[in-house]
Structures are given as structure tokens and as C-alpha cells.
């Protein structure tokens, strides 16, 4: 059994919710993509993978997804 790691956005997904993985057609008002279709961003992998995919790690240890980066301008590294 392997251990999977997930990074959750501390702005749009502070409760760390990860819905069942499946592809679905975007509905009106939803963001597209399997991992952000319900507005709760997360990424599978370690912090470096998240940063390589446009995520931000703040000086206080929060993880911010690419969509929420414009919202949070303080405490950035």
C-alpha cells in the first residue's frame, strides 16, 4: 500500500475536502478541471510539486492555489 499526499488550498478549501475523483462535464458556474470543479482546490503530491504547478506557500505555512493567489498578497515567501 502506498501513502498518498495531498495539499489543500487554505483559502478555498480550508477543511481539506477531497471529493471522489472522476471527470464530469462542467456545469454553469463551476470551475473546470477534476480537482477544482466544485471550487475546492487540492493537488496530489508534495509541496514542491504544488509550487511547480503554480501554488504558493506563505511565510506562515499556508498553501494557496493558483486561482486564489490574487486574493492573498500578504505573508508570501
Foldseek 3Di string as FASTA:
>chain_A
DDDKDKAWACPQAVVPDFDDFDADDQDPPADDDRQCRPPTHMDIDDPVVQVVVPWFAFQVGGIHHNVCVVVDDPRGD
